C-alpha atoms as a PDB file:
ATOM      1  CA  MET A   1       8.386  19.159   1.725  1.00  0.00           C
ATOM      2  CA  VAL A   2       5.215  16.545   1.770  1.00  0.00           C
ATOM      3  CA  ARG A   3       6.707  14.541  -0.625  1.00  0.00           C
ATOM      4  CA  ALA A   4       9.693  13.920   1.084  1.00  0.00           C
ATOM      5  CA  GLY A   5       7.767  12.948   4.210  1.00  0.00           C
ATOM      6  CA  ARG A   6       5.453  10.960   2.289  1.00  0.00           C
ATOM      7  CA  HIS A   7       8.876   8.932   0.429  1.00  0.00           C
ATOM      8  CA  ARG A   8      10.026   8.690   4.101  1.00  0.00           C
ATOM      9  CA  ARG A   9       6.957   7.341   5.751  1.00  0.00           C
ATOM     10  CA  LEU A  10       6.671   4.463   2.663  1.00  0.00           C
ATOM     11  CA  HIS A  11      10.364   3.632   3.317  1.00  0.00           C
ATOM     12  CA  THR A  12       9.597   3.110   6.746  1.00  0.00           C
ATOM     13  CA  PHE A  13       6.905   0.621   6.009  1.00  0.00           C
ATOM     14  CA  GLY A  14       8.894  -1.197   3.414  1.00  0.00           C
ATOM     15  CA  LEU A  15      11.753  -1.280   5.754  1.00  0.00           C
ATOM     16  CA  GLY A  16       9.024  -2.576   8.458  1.00  0.00           C
ATOM     17  CA  ASN A  17       7.493  -4.902   6.378  1.00  0.00           C
ATOM     18  CA  ARG A  18      10.967  -6.600   4.869  1.00  0.00           C
ATOM     19  CA  ALA A  19      11.830  -7.097   8.624  1.00  0.00           C
ATOM     20  CA  PHE A  20       8.732  -8.629  10.231  1.00  0.00           C
ATOM     21  CA  LEU A  21       6.945 -10.417   7.547  1.00  0.00           C
ATOM     22  CA  GLU A  22      10.280 -11.290   5.101  1.00  0.00           C
ATOM     23  CA  SER A  23       8.080 -10.610   2.254  1.00  0.00           C
ATOM     24  CA  PRO A  24       8.605  -7.686  -0.674  1.00  0.00           C
ATOM     25  CA  ILE A  25       5.825  -5.204  -0.853  1.00  0.00           C
ATOM     26  CA  THR A  26       3.063  -5.804  -3.367  1.00  0.00           C
ATOM     27  CA  THR A  27      -0.260  -4.689  -4.448  1.00  0.00           C
ATOM     28  CA  GLU A  28      -1.896  -7.290  -2.683  1.00  0.00           C
ATOM     29  CA  LEU A  29      -0.541  -6.138   0.348  1.00  0.00           C
ATOM     30  CA  LEU A  30      -1.998  -2.619  -0.346  1.00  0.00           C
ATOM     31  CA  LEU A  31      -5.355  -3.712  -1.099  1.00  0.00           C
ATOM     32  CA  PHE A  32      -5.230  -6.116   1.972  1.00  0.00           C
ATOM     33  CA  VAL A  33      -5.182  -2.770   4.298  1.00  0.00           C
ATOM     34  CA  ALA A  34      -7.335  -0.729   2.137  1.00  0.00           C
ATOM     35  CA  TRP A  35     -10.025  -3.382   2.118  1.00  0.00           C
ATOM     36  CA  GLY A  36      -9.885  -3.472   5.615  1.00  0.00           C
ATOM     37  CA  ALA A  37     -10.044   0.219   6.465  1.00  0.00           C
ATOM     38  CA  LEU A  38     -12.479   0.619   3.841  1.00  0.00           C
ATOM     39  CA  GLU A  39     -14.973  -2.000   5.229  1.00  0.00           C
ATOM     40  CA  LEU A  40     -14.373  -0.622   8.857  1.00  0.00           C
ATOM     41  CA  TYR A  41     -15.187   2.996   7.600  1.00  0.00           C
ATOM     42  CA  ALA A  42     -18.261   1.481   5.694  1.00  0.00           C
ATOM     43  CA  THR A  43     -19.463  -0.377   9.099  1.00  0.00           C
ATOM     44  CA  CYS A  44     -18.825   2.608  11.116  1.00  0.00           C
ATOM     45  CA  ALA A  45     -20.848   4.750   8.551  1.00  0.00           C
ATOM     46  CA  LEU A  46     -23.848   1.996   8.757  1.00  0.00           C
ATOM     47  CA  GLU A  47     -23.922   2.205  12.401  1.00  0.00           C
ATOM     48  CA  ALA A  48     -23.744   5.910  12.387  1.00  0.00           C
ATOM     49  CA  GLY A  49     -26.684   5.832   9.980  1.00  0.00           C
ATOM     50  CA  GLY A  50     -28.760   3.795  12.599  1.00  0.00           C
ATOM     51  CA  THR A  51     -29.129   0.891   9.846  1.00  0.00           C
ATOM     52  CA  LEU A  52     -26.301  -1.513  11.902  1.00  0.00           C
ATOM     53  CA  GLY A  53     -26.890  -1.796  15.773  1.00  0.00           C
ATOM     54  CA  LEU A  54     -24.059  -1.952  18.109  1.00  0.00           C
ATOM     55  CA  THR A  55     -24.076  -5.769  18.413  1.00  0.00           C
ATOM     56  CA  ALA A  56     -23.880  -6.222  14.561  1.00  0.00           C
ATOM     57  CA  THR A  57     -21.262  -3.585  14.397  1.00  0.00           C
ATOM     58  CA  TRP A  58     -19.181  -5.115  16.546  1.00  0.00           C
ATOM     59  CA  CYS A  59     -19.962  -8.477  14.705  1.00  0.00           C
ATOM     60  CA  LEU A  60     -18.803  -6.847  11.456  1.00  0.00           C
ATOM     61  CA  VAL A  61     -15.811  -5.765  12.855  1.00  0.00           C
ATOM     62  CA  ALA A  62     -14.636  -8.860  14.451  1.00  0.00           C
ATOM     63  CA  ILE A  63     -15.609 -10.489  10.865  1.00  0.00           C
ATOM     64  CA  ILE A  64     -13.169  -7.666   9.173  1.00  0.00           C
ATOM     65  CA  PHE A  65     -10.319  -8.113  11.225  1.00  0.00           C
ATOM     66  CA  CYS A  66     -10.678 -12.187  11.099  1.00  0.00           C
ATOM     67  CA  VAL A  67     -10.701 -11.554   7.192  1.00  0.00           C
ATOM     68  CA  PHE A  68      -7.628  -9.132   7.172  1.00  0.00           C
ATOM     69  CA  ALA A  69      -5.538 -11.451   9.691  1.00  0.00           C
ATOM     70  CA  LEU A  70      -6.655 -14.056   7.062  1.00  0.00           C
ATOM     71  CA  SER A  71      -5.386 -12.458   4.292  1.00  0.00           C
ATOM     72  CA  LEU A  72      -1.989 -11.769   5.830  1.00  0.00           C
ATOM     73  CA  THR A  73      -1.189 -14.760   7.061  1.00  0.00           C
ATOM     74  CA  CYS A  74      -1.521 -16.316   3.462  1.00  0.00           C
ATOM     75  CA  TYR A  75       0.216 -13.556   2.430  1.00  0.00           C
ATOM     76  CA  VAL A  76       3.132 -14.149   4.013  1.00  0.00           C
ATOM     77  CA  LEU A  77       2.831 -18.010   3.860  1.00  0.00           C
ATOM     78  CA  TYR A  78       2.608 -17.135   0.079  1.00  0.00           C
ATOM     79  CA  TYR A  79       6.092 -16.685  -0.224  1.00  0.00           C
ATOM     80  CA  ARG A  80       7.069 -19.967   1.667  1.00  0.00           C
ATOM     81  CA  LEU A  81       5.405 -22.706   0.381  1.00  0.00           C
ATOM     82  CA  ALA A  82       5.497 -24.616  -2.549  1.00  0.00           C
ATOM     83  CA  ALA A  83       3.658 -24.000  -5.986  1.00  0.00           C
ATOM     84  CA  THR A  84       0.354 -25.439  -5.143  1.00  0.00           C
ATOM     85  CA  PRO A  85       0.034 -25.066  -1.758  1.00  0.00           C
ATOM     86  CA  SER A  86       1.330 -20.961  -2.490  1.00  0.00           C
ATOM     87  CA  PHE A  87      -1.754 -21.368  -5.307  1.00  0.00           C
ATOM     88  CA  ILE A  88      -3.993 -22.127  -2.759  1.00  0.00           C
ATOM     89  CA  ALA A  89      -2.569 -19.133  -0.038  1.00  0.00           C
ATOM     90  CA  GLY A  90      -2.984 -17.043  -2.859  1.00  0.00           C
ATOM     91  CA  ALA A  91      -6.627 -17.687  -3.987  1.00  0.00           C
ATOM     92  CA  LEU A  92      -7.919 -18.183  -0.679  1.00  0.00           C
ATOM     93  CA  PRO A  93      -8.238 -14.642   0.672  1.00  0.00           C
ATOM     94  CA  LEU A  94      -9.694 -13.612  -2.739  1.00  0.00           C
ATOM     95  CA  GLY A  95     -12.279 -16.308  -1.993  1.00  0.00           C
ATOM     96  CA  VAL A  96     -12.842 -15.022   1.670  1.00  0.00           C
ATOM     97  CA  VAL A  97     -13.525 -11.294   0.554  1.00  0.00           C
ATOM     98  CA  GLY A  98     -15.273 -12.503  -2.161  1.00  0.00           C
ATOM     99  CA  ILE A  99     -18.012 -14.441   0.007  1.00  0.00           C
ATOM    100  CA  PHE A 100     -17.889 -11.544   3.019  1.00  0.00           C
ATOM    101  CA  SER A 101     -18.708  -9.100  -0.199  1.00  0.00           C
ATOM    102  CA  ALA A 102     -21.576 -10.875  -1.460  1.00  0.00           C
ATOM    103  CA  ILE A 103     -22.956 -11.542   1.658  1.00  0.00           C
ATOM    104  CA  LEU A 104     -23.140  -8.519   3.306  1.00  0.00           C
ATOM    105  CA  PRO A 105     -25.832  -6.588   1.230  1.00  0.00           C
ATOM    106  CA  LEU A 106     -28.198  -9.598   1.699  1.00  0.00           C
ATOM    107  CA  LEU A 107     -27.800  -8.966   5.362  1.00  0.00           C
ATOM    108  CA  LEU A 108     -28.691  -5.134   5.362  1.00  0.00           C
END
């Protein structure tokens, strides 16, 4: 029963992705979503532990959402562009997430 429910949710996610994004479900899409969720969780944990103030927390949340939106936009563009622009659209989110992940520990 649980397995059938999980399969149904994944199938619904796949249909929604096909209908709205017009691109296949790939590991990159799942990684973007997982990265965003984990960064939001870590930001909330840092705020709850007193490491971040409320203003810094909201700034990080805004940055995380902007990086996620950029990643999702590049993901959609990747399948619609020619070879070289497609490569750039595929590499840009990796670079931005890498820079974000490298700078964040230095700020704490």
